Amino acid sequence: MNPEIEQKLFAHLESQDQERQQTETRATDVQRVLEKNDADFRAKKKDTIRPALEELVDLYRSKGITLRIFETEVALNREGTIREATIGLDTKAAFSHSSGDMKPEFRLSYSRRSRKIGLYTTTPAQGSPGGDIPLDEITEEWIHEKFLAYVAPEKRRLQFGEVR
């Protein structure tokens, strides 16, 4: 082989190796960040979100109404895309006076990449987004205010989508 061609091919192969290594390093760094974000969400869920939802469950239980907490973890769905983690309340019992086609729920979905929690609510008649909040800013009070706005819109202090 011509030494000049051999040298150029060798340089090309070295360049490809470096690019592959950089891509692998970036992918590893991204994975590390996502794993940290997931751990932060699990901690926030344990320390803030679940206790706030449990307070709502207990309050409704004292009035004979059963709300149920549900959770899903980050997972791959059938199409191979990521399904984000969620936690929320099945609120069908809170809307027993209504009829409609939708399953009533108060759901908080966690975006691993943006570190935001999105609120989505459905009543028997309609569903709507309820705003996003950064993971580090969510509080039990925010959850309770959003729940009040969801079940009793006439008594809400904040508008949906408004973040304190």
Foldseek 3Di string as FASTA:
>chain_A
DPPVVVVVVVVVVVVVVVVVVVVVVVVVVVVVLLVVLLVLLVVCCVPFVVVLVVVVQVVVVVVVFGKDKDWDPWDQDPVRDTDFIKIWIQCCSLQVVDAACDGFIWMWTADSVQQKIWTWTDDRHDIDTQAIDHNVPDHSVVVVLSVCCRSPVVPHPDGRHDDD
